[in-house]
Amino acid sequence: MTAIALFGAGGKMGCRLAKNLKGSRFDVRHVEVSDAGKARLANELGVTAVDADAALDGADVVILAVPDTAIGKVAHSISDKLKPGVMVVVLDAAAPFAGHLPERTDLTYFVTHPCHPPIFNDETDMAAKKDHFGGVHAKQHIVSALMQGPESEYALGEEIAKTIWAPVMRSHRVTVEQMALLEPGLSETVCASLLVVMKEAMDECVRRGVPKEAARDFLLGHMNVLGAVIFEETPGVFSDACNKAIEFGKPVLMKDDWLRVFEPEEIAASIQRIT
């Protein structure tokens, strides 16, 4: 049986993973340093946390479910306790991309991250419809990268990824560099920023007299239909009026060189701020 040492098991993310790993084919050792996290593990999963040394004894895989800012520190603190061939699984590309993992060529580094449940989906169960993060009821896609290690190890990493992010639909293989383009580049720098702008635009309509509920319903409804056409979820074309509004609006809202956020130096700078 493959033994997994799950660090940060009692945290918000770690507990999600621990629940999905429970009942799997993996032998999971839960590592948690906080009293609150230990209590959460006991109350929600009925498991007892163990210390790092006990968890790492004979472990085949180490999952670092800890904040980005702590990954380097935790990884280096346990590096000399990892036997050659151990797989270290990281849940975000930031720290690996920034070079925060120990220089151990005899270890396998596997990076995986959820895409989260898509806006356009076939969920009918209310619990799944309300599972916006994923990993509980709603189906989602995932991305994974074998940063270093034997090619044969990708299958194990992907199996673990599909287990911790379940239920999973598509599993995409990318590189760590590509994953960094996706996050923070695409998902946070671009998508999150533009969504904040959209919320501020809605608030401005409210400030100018539109009832808040009406403005919210109008915006979210148009996000749905416009997004379906733009992302080719459904065939369709915009009206001439809409195309004219886009032609005027985009240069007002966006700098001409906004795509520079995807340049390697910009991605590196963003990740440096995160980590």
Protein backbone atom coordinates (compact mmCIF):
# COMPACT_ATOMS: atom_id res chain seq x y z
CA MET A 1 0.00 0.00 0.00
CA THR A 2 1.32 3.46 -0.93
CA ALA A 3 1.97 5.51 2.22
CA ILE A 4 1.20 9.24 2.10
CA ALA A 5 2.33 11.82 4.65
CA LEU A 6 -0.19 14.67 4.44
CA PHE A 7 1.27 17.86 5.90
CA GLY A 8 -1.23 20.54 6.94
CA ALA A 9 -3.92 17.87 7.16
CA GLY A 10 -6.06 19.84 9.58
CA GLY A 11 -6.08 23.07 7.59
CA LYS A 12 -8.86 24.26 5.31
CA MET A 13 -7.28 22.67 2.22
CA GLY A 14 -5.68 19.74 4.02
CA CYS A 15 -8.97 18.67 5.56
CA ARG A 16 -10.61 18.64 2.12
CA LEU A 17 -7.85 16.37 0.85
CA ALA A 18 -7.95 14.17 3.95
CA LYS A 19 -11.67 13.56 3.47
CA ASN A 20 -11.16 12.50 -0.14
CA LEU A 21 -8.21 10.29 0.75
CA LYS A 22 -10.18 8.54 3.49
CA GLY A 23 -11.30 5.16 2.23
CA SER A 24 -8.88 5.23 -0.71
CA ARG A 25 -6.20 2.64 -1.33
CA PHE A 26 -3.61 4.93 0.26
CA ASP A 27 -2.24 4.67 3.80
CA VAL A 28 -2.50 8.28 4.98
CA ARG A 29 -0.54 9.74 7.90
CA HIS A 30 -1.95 13.10 8.98
CA VAL A 31 0.49 15.80 10.10
CA GLU A 32 -0.92 18.91 11.78
CA VAL A 33 0.77 21.29 14.22
CA SER A 34 -2.13 23.51 15.32
CA ASP A 35 -4.52 22.51 18.09
CA ALA A 36 -7.47 23.74 16.02
CA GLY A 37 -6.37 21.58 13.08
CA LYS A 38 -5.91 18.53 15.27
CA ALA A 39 -9.39 19.03 16.70
CA ARG A 40 -10.86 19.39 13.21
CA LEU A 41 -9.27 16.11 12.12
CA ALA A 42 -10.61 14.34 15.19
CA ASN A 43 -14.10 15.81 14.97
CA GLU A 44 -14.66 15.70 11.21
CA LEU A 45 -12.67 12.62 10.17
CA GLY A 46 -12.15 10.70 13.37
CA VAL A 47 -8.38 10.54 12.85
CA THR A 48 -5.47 11.44 15.09
CA ALA A 49 -2.58 13.59 13.86
CA VAL A 50 0.94 12.18 14.14
CA ASP A 51 4.29 13.98 14.29
CA ALA A 52 6.34 14.53 11.16
CA ASP A 53 8.93 11.85 11.91
CA ALA A 54 6.29 9.17 12.38
CA ALA A 55 4.50 10.23 9.21
CA LEU A 56 7.67 10.23 7.12
CA ASP A 57 8.87 6.83 8.33
CA GLY A 58 8.40 4.65 5.27
CA ALA A 59 6.36 7.26 3.40
CA ASP A 60 6.29 6.95 -0.39
CA VAL A 61 4.58 10.29 -1.00
CA VAL A 62 4.52 13.62 0.85
CA ILE A 63 1.70 16.07 0.15
CA LEU A 64 2.35 19.67 1.23
CA ALA A 65 -1.12 21.10 1.92
CA VAL A 66 0.37 24.24 3.46
CA PRO A 67 0.28 27.93 2.40
CA ASP A 68 2.49 28.99 -0.51
CA THR A 69 4.63 31.08 1.84
CA ALA A 70 5.37 28.00 4.00
CA ILE A 71 6.07 25.41 1.30
CA GLY A 72 9.77 26.21 0.98
CA LYS A 73 10.31 26.23 4.74
CA VAL A 74 8.43 22.97 5.31
CA ALA A 75 10.03 21.22 2.33
CA HIS A 76 13.55 22.13 3.45
CA SER A 77 12.83 21.16 7.06
CA ILE A 78 11.96 17.58 6.05
CA SER A 79 14.31 17.20 3.08
CA ASP A 80 16.98 15.21 4.92
CA LYS A 81 14.30 12.80 6.18
CA LEU A 82 13.09 11.85 2.71
CA LYS A 83 14.47 8.69 1.20
CA PRO A 84 15.47 8.72 -2.49
CA GLY A 85 12.51 8.15 -4.79
CA VAL A 86 9.91 9.80 -2.54
CA MET A 87 7.30 11.87 -4.41
CA VAL A 88 6.63 15.36 -3.07
CA VAL A 89 3.23 16.67 -4.17
CA VAL A 90 2.67 20.44 -4.19
CA LEU A 91 -0.79 21.92 -4.73
CA ASP A 92 0.21 25.12 -6.53
CA ALA A 93 2.89 26.05 -9.06
CA ALA A 94 4.06 29.22 -7.27
CA ALA A 95 6.65 27.81 -4.88
CA PRO A 96 8.06 25.22 -7.33
CA PHE A 97 8.26 27.86 -10.10
CA ALA A 98 10.06 30.22 -7.72
CA GLY A 99 12.66 27.55 -6.90
CA HIS A 100 11.63 27.08 -3.27
CA LEU A 101 11.84 23.28 -3.30
CA PRO A 102 15.06 21.59 -2.10
CA GLU A 103 17.62 20.69 -4.75
CA ARG A 104 17.20 16.93 -4.49
CA THR A 105 17.50 15.29 -7.90
CA ASP A 106 16.66 11.92 -6.32
CA LEU A 107 13.15 13.06 -5.39
CA THR A 108 10.08 13.26 -7.61
CA TYR A 109 8.28 16.62 -7.64
CA PHE A 110 4.66 16.55 -8.77
CA VAL A 111 2.50 19.68 -8.96
CA THR A 112 -1.28 19.58 -9.25
CA HIS A 113 -4.08 22.14 -9.03
CA PRO A 114 -7.86 22.05 -9.53
CA CYS A 115 -9.58 23.99 -12.31
CA HIS A 116 -12.65 24.19 -10.00
CA PRO A 117 -16.18 23.35 -11.22
CA PRO A 118 -16.91 25.05 -14.55
CA ILE A 119 -19.63 27.68 -14.91
CA PHE A 120 -21.17 25.66 -17.74
CA ASN A 121 -21.91 22.22 -16.31
CA ASP A 122 -24.54 19.48 -16.11
CA GLU A 123 -24.92 19.42 -12.33
CA THR A 124 -28.52 18.85 -11.22
CA ASP A 125 -28.01 17.98 -7.55
CA MET A 126 -28.32 21.12 -5.41
CA ALA A 127 -25.30 20.20 -3.25
CA ALA A 128 -23.18 19.93 -6.41
CA LYS A 129 -24.54 23.22 -7.77
CA LYS A 130 -23.53 24.92 -4.51
CA ASP A 131 -20.06 23.32 -4.44
CA HIS A 132 -18.31 26.21 -6.16
CA PHE A 133 -14.80 25.23 -5.02
CA GLY A 134 -15.06 21.57 -6.00
CA GLY A 135 -13.58 18.48 -4.42
CA VAL A 136 -16.76 17.65 -2.51
CA HIS A 137 -19.88 17.20 -4.67
CA ALA A 138 -19.25 19.01 -7.97
CA LYS A 139 -17.25 17.57 -10.83
CA GLN A 140 -14.18 19.50 -11.94
CA HIS A 141 -11.18 19.34 -14.25
CA ILE A 142 -7.59 19.39 -12.99
CA VAL A 143 -4.09 20.23 -14.23
CA SER A 144 -0.91 18.42 -13.19
CA ALA A 145 2.80 18.57 -13.93
CA LEU A 146 5.69 16.19 -13.37
CA MET A 147 8.33 18.75 -12.48
CA GLN A 148 11.11 16.22 -12.01
CA GLY A 149 11.43 12.48 -11.61
CA PRO A 150 10.96 9.35 -13.71
CA GLU A 151 8.26 9.54 -16.36
CA SER A 152 6.76 6.36 -14.88
CA GLU A 153 5.89 8.32 -11.73
CA TYR A 154 3.37 10.52 -13.52
CA ALA A 155 0.71 7.81 -13.30
CA LEU A 156 0.97 7.68 -9.51
CA GLY A 157 0.90 11.46 -9.22
CA GLU A 158 -2.17 11.68 -11.43
CA GLU A 159 -3.93 8.95 -9.45
CA ILE A 160 -3.33 10.90 -6.24
CA ALA A 161 -4.47 14.12 -7.93
CA LYS A 162 -7.69 12.52 -9.13
CA THR A 163 -8.30 11.22 -5.61
CA ILE A 164 -7.73 14.47 -3.72
CA TRP A 165 -9.67 16.62 -6.21
CA ALA A 166 -12.51 14.11 -6.80
CA PRO A 167 -14.89 13.98 -8.55
CA VAL A 168 -12.71 14.71 -11.58
CA MET A 169 -13.69 14.95 -15.23
CA ARG A 170 -10.74 15.87 -17.48
CA SER A 171 -7.16 15.59 -16.21
CA HIS A 172 -4.78 17.83 -18.18
CA ARG A 173 -1.01 17.40 -18.23
CA VAL A 174 0.96 20.65 -18.39
CA THR A 175 4.39 21.91 -17.37
CA VAL A 176 5.08 23.92 -14.22
CA GLU A 177 5.76 26.94 -16.42
CA GLN A 178 2.41 26.52 -18.15
CA MET A 179 0.69 26.11 -14.79
CA ALA A 180 2.21 29.43 -13.69
CA LEU A 181 0.68 31.06 -16.78
CA LEU A 182 -2.68 29.66 -15.69
CA GLU A 183 -2.22 30.76 -12.07
CA PRO A 184 -1.49 33.47 -11.12
CA GLY A 185 -1.50 34.75 -14.74
CA LEU A 186 -4.83 33.76 -16.24
CA SER A 187 -6.94 33.00 -13.17
CA GLU A 188 -5.86 35.69 -10.71
CA THR A 189 -4.05 38.54 -12.46
CA VAL A 190 -6.57 38.59 -15.32
CA CYS A 191 -9.79 36.84 -14.33
CA ALA A 192 -9.99 37.85 -10.66
CA SER A 193 -9.00 41.43 -11.46
CA LEU A 194 -11.62 41.78 -14.19
CA LEU A 195 -14.30 40.25 -11.99
CA VAL A 196 -13.47 42.79 -9.28
CA VAL A 197 -13.83 45.54 -11.90
CA MET A 198 -17.20 44.09 -12.93
CA LYS A 199 -18.37 44.12 -9.31
CA GLU A 200 -17.19 47.74 -8.98
CA ALA A 201 -19.11 48.58 -12.16
CA MET A 202 -22.23 46.99 -10.70
CA ASP A 203 -21.75 48.99 -7.49
CA GLU A 204 -21.47 52.16 -9.57
CA CYS A 205 -24.81 51.40 -11.23
CA VAL A 206 -26.28 50.96 -7.76
CA ARG A 207 -24.73 54.26 -6.64
CA ARG A 208 -26.44 55.90 -9.60
CA GLY A 209 -29.85 54.62 -8.55
CA VAL A 210 -30.30 51.10 -9.95
CA PRO A 211 -31.69 48.72 -7.27
CA LYS A 212 -28.88 46.42 -6.17
CA GLU A 213 -30.82 43.20 -6.76
CA ALA A 214 -31.77 44.33 -10.26
CA ALA A 215 -28.18 45.27 -11.11
CA ARG A 216 -26.84 41.96 -9.79
CA ASP A 217 -29.44 39.89 -11.63
CA PHE A 218 -28.84 41.82 -14.84
CA LEU A 219 -25.04 41.46 -14.66
CA LEU A 220 -24.94 37.77 -13.74
CA GLY A 221 -27.52 36.91 -16.39
CA HIS A 222 -25.56 38.71 -19.07
CA MET A 223 -22.31 37.12 -17.87
CA ASN A 224 -24.00 33.77 -18.49
CA VAL A 225 -25.27 34.41 -22.02
CA LEU A 226 -22.30 36.51 -23.18
CA GLY A 227 -19.84 33.99 -21.74
CA ALA A 228 -21.63 31.11 -23.43
CA VAL A 229 -21.16 32.77 -26.82
CA ILE A 230 -17.61 34.05 -26.25
CA PHE A 231 -16.34 30.69 -24.96
CA GLU A 232 -18.23 28.73 -27.64
CA GLU A 233 -20.47 26.90 -25.21
CA THR A 234 -23.34 27.70 -27.55
CA PRO A 235 -23.43 29.00 -31.14
CA GLY A 236 -24.33 32.63 -31.47
CA VAL A 237 -23.25 36.10 -32.51
CA PHE A 238 -23.49 39.45 -30.81
CA SER A 239 -25.72 42.23 -32.06
CA ASP A 240 -24.18 45.16 -33.91
CA ALA A 241 -24.87 47.31 -30.85
CA CYS A 242 -22.99 44.90 -28.58
CA ASN A 243 -20.03 44.72 -30.97
CA LYS A 244 -19.91 48.53 -31.10
CA ALA A 245 -19.94 48.65 -27.29
CA ILE A 246 -17.02 46.20 -27.14
CA GLU A 247 -15.11 48.17 -29.78
CA PHE A 248 -15.47 51.30 -27.64
CA GLY A 249 -15.23 49.69 -24.21
CA LYS A 250 -12.13 47.52 -24.48
CA PRO A 251 -9.60 50.31 -25.17
CA VAL A 252 -11.21 52.41 -22.42
CA LEU A 253 -10.91 49.60 -19.88
CA MET A 254 -7.67 47.89 -20.96
CA LYS A 255 -4.16 49.15 -21.63
CA ASP A 256 -2.80 48.37 -25.08
CA ASP A 257 0.02 46.28 -23.58
CA TRP A 258 -2.07 44.37 -21.02
CA LEU A 259 -0.93 41.00 -22.40
CA ARG A 260 2.49 41.68 -20.90
CA VAL A 261 1.14 40.13 -17.67
CA PHE A 262 1.98 36.80 -19.32
CA GLU A 263 5.62 37.68 -20.01
CA PRO A 264 8.04 35.48 -18.01
CA GLU A 265 9.38 38.37 -15.95
CA GLU A 266 5.86 39.50 -15.03
CA ILE A 267 4.82 35.98 -14.03
CA ALA A 268 8.01 35.63 -11.97
CA ALA A 269 7.39 38.97 -10.25
CA SER A 270 3.82 38.00 -9.45
CA ILE A 271 4.91 34.67 -7.97
CA GLN A 272 7.65 36.39 -5.98
CA ARG A 273 4.99 38.59 -4.39
CA ILE A 274 2.85 35.54 -3.58
CA THR A 275 5.62 33.45 -2.06
